[in-house]
Amino acid sequence: MPELKLRLTAGDDAARVLINLIGSLEGIESVEEIADLMPHMDDPDSSSRGLPDDIGPGTHLIRIEASNDTVIRRVLDVAEASARDQGAVLEVVDSDER
């Protein structure tokens, strides 16, 4: 079963919109937000911690399983359009990345 992982840099509302949109597509077996294990350089001892430049939207790692590769390509098209419409940043995560 083909799988796609996307990292969305946006607020919680944008992530929910994207997850619901992808889940409504025909051929989707599952779509879920999973724990993002990527380090985000959140150093609690940093002298710049909490400055306005440090505060921004969160990141959301979303895993999608589909019935075939055609559906995965459609998911990517829909996800890119949704992210663009919401002013979010979308990244395709390599399946080997942990």
PDB file of N, CA and C in Angstrom:
ATOM      1  N   MET A   1       0.843  -1.172   0.000  1.00  0.00           N
ATOM      2  CA  MET A   1       0.000   0.000   0.000  1.00  0.00           C
ATOM      3  C   MET A   1       0.889   1.235   0.000  1.00  0.00           C
ATOM      4  N   PRO A   2       0.732   2.111  -0.977  1.00  0.00           N
ATOM      5  CA  PRO A   2       1.555   3.325  -1.048  1.00  0.00           C
ATOM      6  C   PRO A   2       1.318   4.240   0.155  1.00  0.00           C
ATOM      7  N   GLU A   3       2.389   4.871   0.589  1.00  0.00           N
ATOM      8  CA  GLU A   3       2.331   5.768   1.750  1.00  0.00           C
ATOM      9  C   GLU A   3       3.018   7.083   1.393  1.00  0.00           C
ATOM     10  N   LEU A   4       2.494   8.163   1.948  1.00  0.00           N
ATOM     11  CA  LEU A   4       3.066   9.487   1.764  1.00  0.00           C
ATOM     12  C   LEU A   4       3.096  10.173   3.113  1.00  0.00           C
ATOM     13  N   LYS A   5       4.216  10.816   3.426  1.00  0.00           N
ATOM     14  CA  LYS A   5       4.311  11.600   4.662  1.00  0.00           C
ATOM     15  C   LYS A   5       4.541  13.053   4.283  1.00  0.00           C
ATOM     16  N   LEU A   6       3.760  13.911   4.911  1.00  0.00           N
ATOM     17  CA  LEU A   6       3.848  15.346   4.669  1.00  0.00           C
ATOM     18  C   LEU A   6       4.104  16.053   5.985  1.00  0.00           C
ATOM     19  N   ARG A   7       4.960  17.062   5.951  1.00  0.00           N
ATOM     20  CA  ARG A   7       5.162  17.922   7.118  1.00  0.00           C
ATOM     21  C   ARG A   7       4.562  19.276   6.761  1.00  0.00           C
ATOM     22  N   LEU A   8       3.587  19.689   7.545  1.00  0.00           N
ATOM     23  CA  LEU A   8       2.899  20.943   7.325  1.00  0.00           C
ATOM     24  C   LEU A   8       3.323  21.922   8.408  1.00  0.00           C
ATOM     25  N   THR A   9       3.800  23.076   8.003  1.00  0.00           N
ATOM     26  CA  THR A   9       4.129  24.140   8.951  1.00  0.00           C
ATOM     27  C   THR A   9       2.988  25.132   8.887  1.00  0.00           C
ATOM     28  N   ALA A  10       2.153  25.051   9.906  1.00  0.00           N
ATOM     29  CA  ALA A  10       0.947  25.884   9.952  1.00  0.00           C
ATOM     30  C   ALA A  10       0.293  25.675  11.317  1.00  0.00           C
ATOM     31  N   GLY A  11      -0.758  26.404  11.551  1.00  0.00           N
ATOM     32  CA  GLY A  11      -1.514  26.266  12.782  1.00  0.00           C
ATOM     33  C   GLY A  11      -2.343  24.993  12.793  1.00  0.00           C
ATOM     34  N   ASP A  12      -2.927  24.709  13.950  1.00  0.00           N
ATOM     35  CA  ASP A  12      -3.743  23.506  14.112  1.00  0.00           C
ATOM     36  C   ASP A  12      -4.944  23.490  13.168  1.00  0.00           C
ATOM     37  N   ASP A  13      -5.556  24.640  12.949  1.00  0.00           N
ATOM     38  CA  ASP A  13      -6.732  24.707  12.071  1.00  0.00           C
ATOM     39  C   ASP A  13      -6.379  24.294  10.647  1.00  0.00           C
ATOM     40  N   ALA A  14      -5.260  24.764  10.148  1.00  0.00           N
ATOM     41  CA  ALA A  14      -4.835  24.412   8.789  1.00  0.00           C
ATOM     42  C   ALA A  14      -4.544  22.918   8.686  1.00  0.00           C
ATOM     43  N   ALA A  15      -3.976  22.345   9.728  1.00  0.00           N
ATOM     44  CA  ALA A  15      -3.695  20.903   9.734  1.00  0.00           C
ATOM     45  C   ALA A  15      -4.998  20.106   9.701  1.00  0.00           C
ATOM     46  N   ARG A  16      -5.987  20.534  10.501  1.00  0.00           N
ATOM     47  CA  ARG A  16      -7.277  19.837  10.507  1.00  0.00           C
ATOM     48  C   ARG A  16      -7.956  19.935   9.139  1.00  0.00           C
ATOM     49  N   VAL A  17      -7.894  21.108   8.522  1.00  0.00           N
ATOM     50  CA  VAL A  17      -8.489  21.283   7.191  1.00  0.00           C
ATOM     51  C   VAL A  17      -7.838  20.322   6.204  1.00  0.00           C
ATOM     52  N   LEU A  18      -6.520  20.261   6.218  1.00  0.00           N
ATOM     53  CA  LEU A  18      -5.805  19.393   5.285  1.00  0.00           C
ATOM     54  C   LEU A  18      -6.131  17.917   5.532  1.00  0.00           C
ATOM     55  N   ILE A  19      -6.127  17.502   6.785  1.00  0.00           N
ATOM     56  CA  ILE A  19      -6.421  16.100   7.117  1.00  0.00           C
ATOM     57  C   ILE A  19      -7.838  15.734   6.673  1.00  0.00           C
ATOM     58  N   ASN A  20      -8.804  16.606   6.944  1.00  0.00           N
ATOM     59  CA  ASN A  20     -10.184  16.333   6.547  1.00  0.00           C
ATOM     60  C   ASN A  20     -10.339  16.301   5.029  1.00  0.00           C
ATOM     61  N   LEU A  21      -9.655  17.211   4.346  1.00  0.00           N
ATOM     62  CA  LEU A  21      -9.713  17.259   2.891  1.00  0.00           C
ATOM     63  C   LEU A  21      -9.143  15.985   2.274  1.00  0.00           C
ATOM     64  N   ILE A  22      -7.983  15.576   2.750  1.00  0.00           N
ATOM     65  CA  ILE A  22      -7.366  14.355   2.223  1.00  0.00           C
ATOM     66  C   ILE A  22      -8.227  13.141   2.549  1.00  0.00           C
ATOM     67  N   GLY A  23      -8.762  13.098   3.759  1.00  0.00           N
ATOM     68  CA  GLY A  23      -9.601  11.964   4.161  1.00  0.00           C
ATOM     69  C   GLY A  23     -10.861  11.814   3.327  1.00  0.00           C
ATOM     70  N   SER A  24     -11.306  12.905   2.708  1.00  0.00           N
ATOM     71  CA  SER A  24     -12.521  12.847   1.903  1.00  0.00           C
ATOM     72  C   SER A  24     -12.272  12.343   0.480  1.00  0.00           C
ATOM     73  N   LEU A  25     -11.015  12.202   0.094  1.00  0.00           N
ATOM     74  CA  LEU A  25     -10.698  11.749  -1.263  1.00  0.00           C
ATOM     75  C   LEU A  25     -10.948  10.251  -1.406  1.00  0.00           C
ATOM     76  N   GLU A  26     -11.413   9.870  -2.578  1.00  0.00           N
ATOM     77  CA  GLU A  26     -11.638   8.458  -2.857  1.00  0.00           C
ATOM     78  C   GLU A  26     -10.297   7.729  -2.968  1.00  0.00           C
ATOM     79  N   GLY A  27     -10.209   6.548  -2.383  1.00  0.00           N
ATOM     80  CA  GLY A  27      -8.992   5.743  -2.454  1.00  0.00           C
ATOM     81  C   GLY A  27      -8.059   5.916  -1.274  1.00  0.00           C
ATOM     82  N   ILE A  28      -8.444   6.750  -0.307  1.00  0.00           N
ATOM     83  CA  ILE A  28      -7.621   6.944   0.887  1.00  0.00           C
ATOM     84  C   ILE A  28      -7.947   5.845   1.890  1.00  0.00           C
ATOM     85  N   GLU A  29      -6.921   5.119   2.307  1.00  0.00           N
ATOM     86  CA  GLU A  29      -7.094   4.066   3.300  1.00  0.00           C
ATOM     87  C   GLU A  29      -7.023   4.640   4.717  1.00  0.00           C
ATOM     88  N   SER A  30      -6.073   5.556   4.945  1.00  0.00           N
ATOM     89  CA  SER A  30      -5.977   6.225   6.248  1.00  0.00           C
ATOM     90  C   SER A  30      -5.193   7.520   6.109  1.00  0.00           C
ATOM     91  N   VAL A  31      -5.517   8.460   6.982  1.00  0.00           N
ATOM     92  CA  VAL A  31      -4.776   9.717   7.079  1.00  0.00           C
ATOM     93  C   VAL A  31      -4.776  10.094   8.548  1.00  0.00           C
ATOM     94  N   GLU A  32      -3.581  10.355   9.080  1.00  0.00           N
ATOM     95  CA  GLU A  32      -3.480  10.666  10.499  1.00  0.00           C
ATOM     96  C   GLU A  32      -2.254  11.522  10.772  1.00  0.00           C
ATOM     97  N   GLU A  33      -2.367  12.323  11.808  1.00  0.00           N
ATOM     98  CA  GLU A  33      -1.206  13.079  12.272  1.00  0.00           C
ATOM     99  C   GLU A  33      -0.440  12.171  13.211  1.00  0.00           C
ATOM    100  N   ILE A  34       0.860  12.063  12.983  1.00  0.00           N
ATOM    101  CA  ILE A  34       1.692  11.204  13.815  1.00  0.00           C
ATOM    102  C   ILE A  34       2.716  12.063  14.544  1.00  0.00           C
ATOM    103  N   ALA A  35       3.326  11.496  15.553  1.00  0.00           N
ATOM    104  CA  ALA A  35       4.331  12.225  16.332  1.00  0.00           C
ATOM    105  C   ALA A  35       5.497  12.585  15.426  1.00  0.00           C
ATOM    106  N   ASP A  36       5.894  13.821  15.474  1.00  0.00           N
ATOM    107  CA  ASP A  36       7.022  14.316  14.688  1.00  0.00           C
ATOM    108  C   ASP A  36       8.262  14.257  15.572  1.00  0.00           C
ATOM    109  N   LEU A  37       9.191  13.392  15.231  1.00  0.00           N
ATOM    110  CA  LEU A  37      10.381  13.198  16.045  1.00  0.00           C
ATOM    111  C   LEU A  37      11.543  14.089  15.616  1.00  0.00           C
ATOM    112  N   MET A  38      11.297  14.964  14.634  1.00  0.00           N
ATOM    113  CA  MET A  38      12.355  15.847  14.159  1.00  0.00           C
ATOM    114  C   MET A  38      12.703  16.874  15.235  1.00  0.00           C
ATOM    115  N   PRO A  39      13.989  17.045  15.520  1.00  0.00           N
ATOM    116  CA  PRO A  39      14.358  18.081  16.490  1.00  0.00           C
ATOM    117  C   PRO A  39      14.091  19.465  15.904  1.00  0.00           C
ATOM    118  N   HIS A  40      13.523  20.344  16.714  1.00  0.00           N
ATOM    119  CA  HIS A  40      13.168  21.676  16.235  1.00  0.00           C
ATOM    120  C   HIS A  40      13.995  22.770  16.885  1.00  0.00           C
ATOM    121  N   MET A  41      15.127  22.401  17.435  1.00  0.00           N
ATOM    122  CA  MET A  41      16.062  23.360  18.011  1.00  0.00           C
ATOM    123  C   MET A  41      15.420  24.232  19.086  1.00  0.00           C
ATOM    124  N   ASP A  42      14.570  23.638  19.886  1.00  0.00           N
ATOM    125  CA  ASP A  42      13.941  24.352  20.994  1.00  0.00           C
ATOM    126  C   ASP A  42      14.851  24.231  22.220  1.00  0.00           C
ATOM    127  N   ASP A  43      15.801  25.123  22.308  1.00  0.00           N
ATOM    128  CA  ASP A  43      16.764  25.099  23.399  1.00  0.00           C
ATOM    129  C   ASP A  43      16.190  25.889  24.580  1.00  0.00           C
ATOM    130  N   PRO A  44      15.844  25.230  25.678  1.00  0.00           N
ATOM    131  CA  PRO A  44      15.225  25.936  26.801  1.00  0.00           C
ATOM    132  C   PRO A  44      16.176  26.925  27.482  1.00  0.00           C
ATOM    133  N   ASP A  45      17.478  26.781  27.265  1.00  0.00           N
ATOM    134  CA  ASP A  45      18.447  27.671  27.907  1.00  0.00           C
ATOM    135  C   ASP A  45      18.900  28.808  26.994  1.00  0.00           C
ATOM    136  N   SER A  46      18.323  28.899  25.811  1.00  0.00           N
ATOM    137  CA  SER A  46      18.748  29.907  24.856  1.00  0.00           C
ATOM    138  C   SER A  46      18.348  31.305  25.325  1.00  0.00           C
ATOM    139  N   SER A  47      19.251  32.257  25.126  1.00  0.00           N
ATOM    140  CA  SER A  47      18.948  33.639  25.518  1.00  0.00           C
ATOM    141  C   SER A  47      17.907  34.267  24.596  1.00  0.00           C
ATOM    142  N   SER A  48      17.687  33.669  23.415  1.00  0.00           N
ATOM    143  CA  SER A  48      16.708  34.218  22.478  1.00  0.00           C
ATOM    144  C   SER A  48      15.368  33.491  22.546  1.00  0.00           C
ATOM    145  N   ARG A  49      15.227  32.581  23.491  1.00  0.00           N
ATOM    146  CA  ARG A  49      13.991  31.809  23.607  1.00  0.00           C
ATOM    147  C   ARG A  49      12.806  32.733  23.878  1.00  0.00           C
ATOM    148  N   GLY A  50      11.747  32.535  23.104  1.00  0.00           N
ATOM    149  CA  GLY A  50      10.527  33.291  23.308  1.00  0.00           C
ATOM    150  C   GLY A  50      10.465  34.622  22.593  1.00  0.00           C
ATOM    151  N   LEU A  51      11.511  34.964  21.847  1.00  0.00           N
ATOM    152  CA  LEU A  51      11.472  36.209  21.089  1.00  0.00           C
ATOM    153  C   LEU A  51      10.447  36.090  19.959  1.00  0.00           C
ATOM    154  N   PRO A  52       9.905  37.203  19.495  1.00  0.00           N
ATOM    155  CA  PRO A  52       8.888  37.143  18.438  1.00  0.00           C
ATOM    156  C   PRO A  52       9.334  36.370  17.200  1.00  0.00           C
ATOM    157  N   ASP A  53      10.598  36.439  16.842  1.00  0.00           N
ATOM    158  CA  ASP A  53      11.068  35.701  15.679  1.00  0.00           C
ATOM    159  C   ASP A  53      11.061  34.198  15.904  1.00  0.00           C
ATOM    160  N   ASP A  54      11.033  33.769  17.154  1.00  0.00           N
ATOM    161  CA  ASP A  54      11.009  32.352  17.493  1.00  0.00           C
ATOM    162  C   ASP A  54       9.592  31.788  17.527  1.00  0.00           C
ATOM    163  N   ILE A  55       8.622  32.643  17.656  1.00  0.00           N
ATOM    164  CA  ILE A  55       7.243  32.200  17.817  1.00  0.00           C
ATOM    165  C   ILE A  55       6.604  32.102  16.437  1.00  0.00           C
ATOM    166  N   GLY A  56       6.020  30.969  16.150  1.00  0.00           N
ATOM    167  CA  GLY A  56       5.403  30.788  14.843  1.00  0.00           C
ATOM    168  C   GLY A  56       4.468  29.601  14.877  1.00  0.00           C
ATOM    169  N   PRO A  57       3.966  29.248  13.712  1.00  0.00           N
ATOM    170  CA  PRO A  57       3.045  28.112  13.652  1.00  0.00           C
ATOM    171  C   PRO A  57       3.772  26.813  13.980  1.00  0.00           C
ATOM    172  N   GLY A  58       3.019  25.838  14.367  1.00  0.00           N
ATOM    173  CA  GLY A  58       3.600  24.541  14.686  1.00  0.00           C
ATOM    174  C   GLY A  58       3.824  23.708  13.438  1.00  0.00           C
ATOM    175  N   THR A  59       4.415  22.561  13.631  1.00  0.00           N
ATOM    176  CA  THR A  59       4.591  21.620  12.537  1.00  0.00           C
ATOM    177  C   THR A  59       3.748  20.387  12.813  1.00  0.00           C
ATOM    178  N   HIS A  60       3.271  19.801  11.750  1.00  0.00           N
ATOM    179  CA  HIS A  60       2.394  18.637  11.838  1.00  0.00           C
ATOM    180  C   HIS A  60       2.891  17.604  10.839  1.00  0.00           C
ATOM    181  N   LEU A  61       3.181  16.403  11.316  1.00  0.00           N
ATOM    182  CA  LEU A  61       3.598  15.316  10.439  1.00  0.00           C
ATOM    183  C   LEU A  61       2.371  14.456  10.158  1.00  0.00           C
ATOM    184  N   ILE A  62       2.030  14.334   8.882  1.00  0.00           N
ATOM    185  CA  ILE A  62       0.804  13.655   8.478  1.00  0.00           C
ATOM    186  C   ILE A  62       1.170  12.465   7.595  1.00  0.00           C
ATOM    187  N   ARG A  63       0.654  11.291   7.966  1.00  0.00           N
ATOM    188  CA  ARG A  63       0.903  10.075   7.179  1.00  0.00           C
ATOM    189  C   ARG A  63      -0.374   9.692   6.452  1.00  0.00           C
ATOM    190  N   ILE A  64      -0.226   9.427   5.161  1.00  0.00           N
ATOM    191  CA  ILE A  64      -1.357   9.063   4.325  1.00  0.00           C
ATOM    192  C   ILE A  64      -1.071   7.706   3.703  1.00  0.00           C
ATOM    193  N   GLU A  65      -2.042   6.814   3.781  1.00  0.00           N
ATOM    194  CA  GLU A  65      -1.966   5.528   3.084  1.00  0.00           C
ATOM    195  C   GLU A  65      -3.090   5.507   2.062  1.00  0.00           C
ATOM    196  N   ALA A  66      -2.746   5.107   0.844  1.00  0.00           N
ATOM    197  CA  ALA A  66      -3.721   5.121  -0.242  1.00  0.00           C
ATOM    198  C   ALA A  66      -3.752   3.772  -0.944  1.00  0.00           C
ATOM    199  N   SER A  67      -4.777   3.596  -1.760  1.00  0.00           N
ATOM    200  CA  SER A  67      -4.954   2.316  -2.443  1.00  0.00           C
ATOM    201  C   SER A  67      -3.972   2.120  -3.598  1.00  0.00           C
ATOM    202  N   ASN A  68      -3.485   3.231  -4.194  1.00  0.00           N
ATOM    203  CA  ASN A  68      -2.530   3.092  -5.298  1.00  0.00           C
ATOM    204  C   ASN A  68      -1.747   4.393  -5.498  1.00  0.00           C
ATOM    205  N   ASP A  69      -0.769   4.346  -6.389  1.00  0.00           N
ATOM    206  CA  ASP A  69       0.104   5.506  -6.634  1.00  0.00           C
ATOM    207  C   ASP A  69      -0.636   6.681  -7.272  1.00  0.00           C
ATOM    208  N   THR A  70      -1.660   6.401  -8.047  1.00  0.00           N
ATOM    209  CA  THR A  70      -2.439   7.478  -8.659  1.00  0.00           C
ATOM    210  C   THR A  70      -3.115   8.328  -7.583  1.00  0.00           C
ATOM    211  N   VAL A  71      -3.627   7.677  -6.564  1.00  0.00           N
ATOM    212  CA  VAL A  71      -4.274   8.392  -5.456  1.00  0.00           C
ATOM    213  C   VAL A  71      -3.232   9.224  -4.707  1.00  0.00           C
ATOM    214  N   ILE A  72      -2.042   8.690  -4.510  1.00  0.00           N
ATOM    215  CA  ILE A  72      -0.970   9.434  -3.836  1.00  0.00           C
ATOM    216  C   ILE A  72      -0.636  10.704  -4.621  1.00  0.00           C
ATOM    217  N   ARG A  73      -0.546  10.611  -5.937  1.00  0.00           N
ATOM    218  CA  ARG A  73      -0.280  11.803  -6.753  1.00  0.00           C
ATOM    219  C   ARG A  73      -1.411  12.818  -6.611  1.00  0.00           C
ATOM    220  N   ARG A  74      -2.644  12.357  -6.553  1.00  0.00           N
ATOM    221  CA  ARG A  74      -3.797  13.250  -6.370  1.00  0.00           C
ATOM    222  C   ARG A  74      -3.733  13.909  -4.997  1.00  0.00           C
ATOM    223  N   VAL A  75      -3.368  13.147  -3.969  1.00  0.00           N
ATOM    224  CA  VAL A  75      -3.234  13.692  -2.615  1.00  0.00           C
ATOM    225  C   VAL A  75      -2.203  14.812  -2.611  1.00  0.00           C
ATOM    226  N   LEU A  76      -1.093  14.592  -3.261  1.00  0.00           N
ATOM    227  CA  LEU A  76      -0.036  15.605  -3.291  1.00  0.00           C
ATOM    228  C   LEU A  76      -0.518  16.884  -3.976  1.00  0.00           C
ATOM    229  N   ASP A  77      -1.238  16.742  -5.082  1.00  0.00           N
ATOM    230  CA  ASP A  77      -1.790  17.924  -5.774  1.00  0.00           C
ATOM    231  C   ASP A  77      -2.760  18.686  -4.873  1.00  0.00           C
ATOM    232  N   VAL A  78      -3.659  17.959  -4.212  1.00  0.00           N
ATOM    233  CA  VAL A  78      -4.659  18.577  -3.336  1.00  0.00           C
ATOM    234  C   VAL A  78      -3.976  19.230  -2.133  1.00  0.00           C
ATOM    235  N   ALA A  79      -2.987  18.543  -1.551  1.00  0.00           N
ATOM    236  CA  ALA A  79      -2.285  19.069  -0.378  1.00  0.00           C
ATOM    237  C   ALA A  79      -1.518  20.348  -0.720  1.00  0.00           C
ATOM    238  N   GLU A  80      -0.866  20.367  -1.874  1.00  0.00           N
ATOM    239  CA  GLU A  80      -0.132  21.568  -2.287  1.00  0.00           C
ATOM    240  C   GLU A  80      -1.081  22.749  -2.483  1.00  0.00           C
ATOM    241  N   ALA A  81      -2.218  22.512  -3.114  1.00  0.00           N
ATOM    242  CA  ALA A  81      -3.191  23.586  -3.339  1.00  0.00           C
ATOM    243  C   ALA A  81      -3.764  24.085  -2.013  1.00  0.00           C
ATOM    244  N   SER A  82      -4.071  23.171  -1.110  1.00  0.00           N
ATOM    245  CA  SER A  82      -4.616  23.556   0.191  1.00  0.00           C
ATOM    246  C   SER A  82      -3.609  24.369   0.994  1.00  0.00           C
ATOM    247  N   ALA A  83      -2.364  23.923   1.013  1.00  0.00           N
ATOM    248  CA  ALA A  83      -1.317  24.648   1.748  1.00  0.00           C
ATOM    249  C   ALA A  83      -1.121  26.041   1.161  1.00  0.00           C
ATOM    250  N   ARG A  84      -1.109  26.129  -0.140  1.00  0.00           N
ATOM    251  CA  ARG A  84      -0.945  27.432  -0.803  1.00  0.00           C
ATOM    252  C   ARG A  84      -2.107  28.363  -0.435  1.00  0.00           C
ATOM    253  N   ASP A  85      -3.334  27.844  -0.471  1.00  0.00           N
ATOM    254  CA  ASP A  85      -4.519  28.645  -0.144  1.00  0.00           C
ATOM    255  C   ASP A  85      -4.503  29.145   1.298  1.00  0.00           C
ATOM    256  N   GLN A  86      -3.912  28.354   2.204  1.00  0.00           N
ATOM    257  CA  GLN A  86      -3.902  28.705   3.619  1.00  0.00           C
ATOM    258  C   GLN A  86      -2.625  29.427   4.047  1.00  0.00           C
ATOM    259  N   GLY A  87      -1.705  29.641   3.116  1.00  0.00           N
ATOM    260  CA  GLY A  87      -0.450  30.302   3.457  1.00  0.00           C
ATOM    261  C   GLY A  87       0.449  29.431   4.323  1.00  0.00           C
ATOM    262  N   ALA A  88       0.321  28.130   4.171  1.00  0.00           N
ATOM    263  CA  ALA A  88       1.112  27.175   4.954  1.00  0.00           C
ATOM    264  C   ALA A  88       2.286  26.666   4.114  1.00  0.00           C
ATOM    265  N   VAL A  89       3.228  26.046   4.789  1.00  0.00           N
ATOM    266  CA  VAL A  89       4.379  25.445   4.115  1.00  0.00           C
ATOM    267  C   VAL A  89       4.210  23.937   4.159  1.00  0.00           C
ATOM    268  N   LEU A  90       4.362  23.297   3.013  1.00  0.00           N
ATOM    269  CA  LEU A  90       4.193  21.851   2.913  1.00  0.00           C
ATOM    270  C   LEU A  90       5.493  21.233   2.429  1.00  0.00           C
ATOM    271  N   GLU A  91       5.884  20.160   3.085  1.00  0.00           N
ATOM    272  CA  GLU A  91       7.117  19.454   2.723  1.00  0.00           C
ATOM    273  C   GLU A  91       6.809  17.977   2.613  1.00  0.00           C
ATOM    274  N   VAL A  92       7.284  17.356   1.546  1.00  0.00           N
ATOM    275  CA  VAL A  92       7.167  15.904   1.408  1.00  0.00           C
ATOM    276  C   VAL A  92       8.332  15.302   2.162  1.00  0.00           C
ATOM    277  N   VAL A  93       8.028  14.421   3.089  1.00  0.00           N
ATOM    278  CA  VAL A  93       9.045  13.801   3.929  1.00  0.00           C
ATOM    279  C   VAL A  93       9.448  12.476   3.309  1.00  0.00           C
ATOM    280  N   ASP A  94      10.739  12.292   3.130  1.00  0.00           N
ATOM    281  CA  ASP A  94      11.258  11.041   2.583  1.00  0.00           C
ATOM    282  C   ASP A  94      10.843   9.890   3.491  1.00  0.00           C
ATOM    283  N   SER A  95      10.405   8.799   2.901  1.00  0.00           N
ATOM    284  CA  SER A  95       9.931   7.666   3.696  1.00  0.00           C
ATOM    285  C   SER A  95      11.040   7.067   4.560  1.00  0.00           C
ATOM    286  N   ASP A  96      12.318   7.318   4.208  1.00  0.00           N
ATOM    287  CA  ASP A  96      13.420   6.801   5.018  1.00  0.00           C
ATOM    288  C   ASP A  96      13.741   7.712   6.188  1.00  0.00           C
ATOM    289  N   GLU A  97      13.235   8.939   6.165  1.00  0.00           N
ATOM    290  CA  GLU A  97      13.512   9.902   7.258  1.00  0.00           C
ATOM    291  C   GLU A  97      12.721   9.515   8.485  1.00  0.00           C
ATOM    292  N   ARG A  98      13.330   9.606   9.633  1.00  0.00           N
ATOM    293  CA  ARG A  98      12.631   9.258  10.888  1.00  0.00           C
ATOM    294  C   ARG A  98      12.576  10.447  11.777  1.00  0.00           C
TER     295      ARG A  98
END
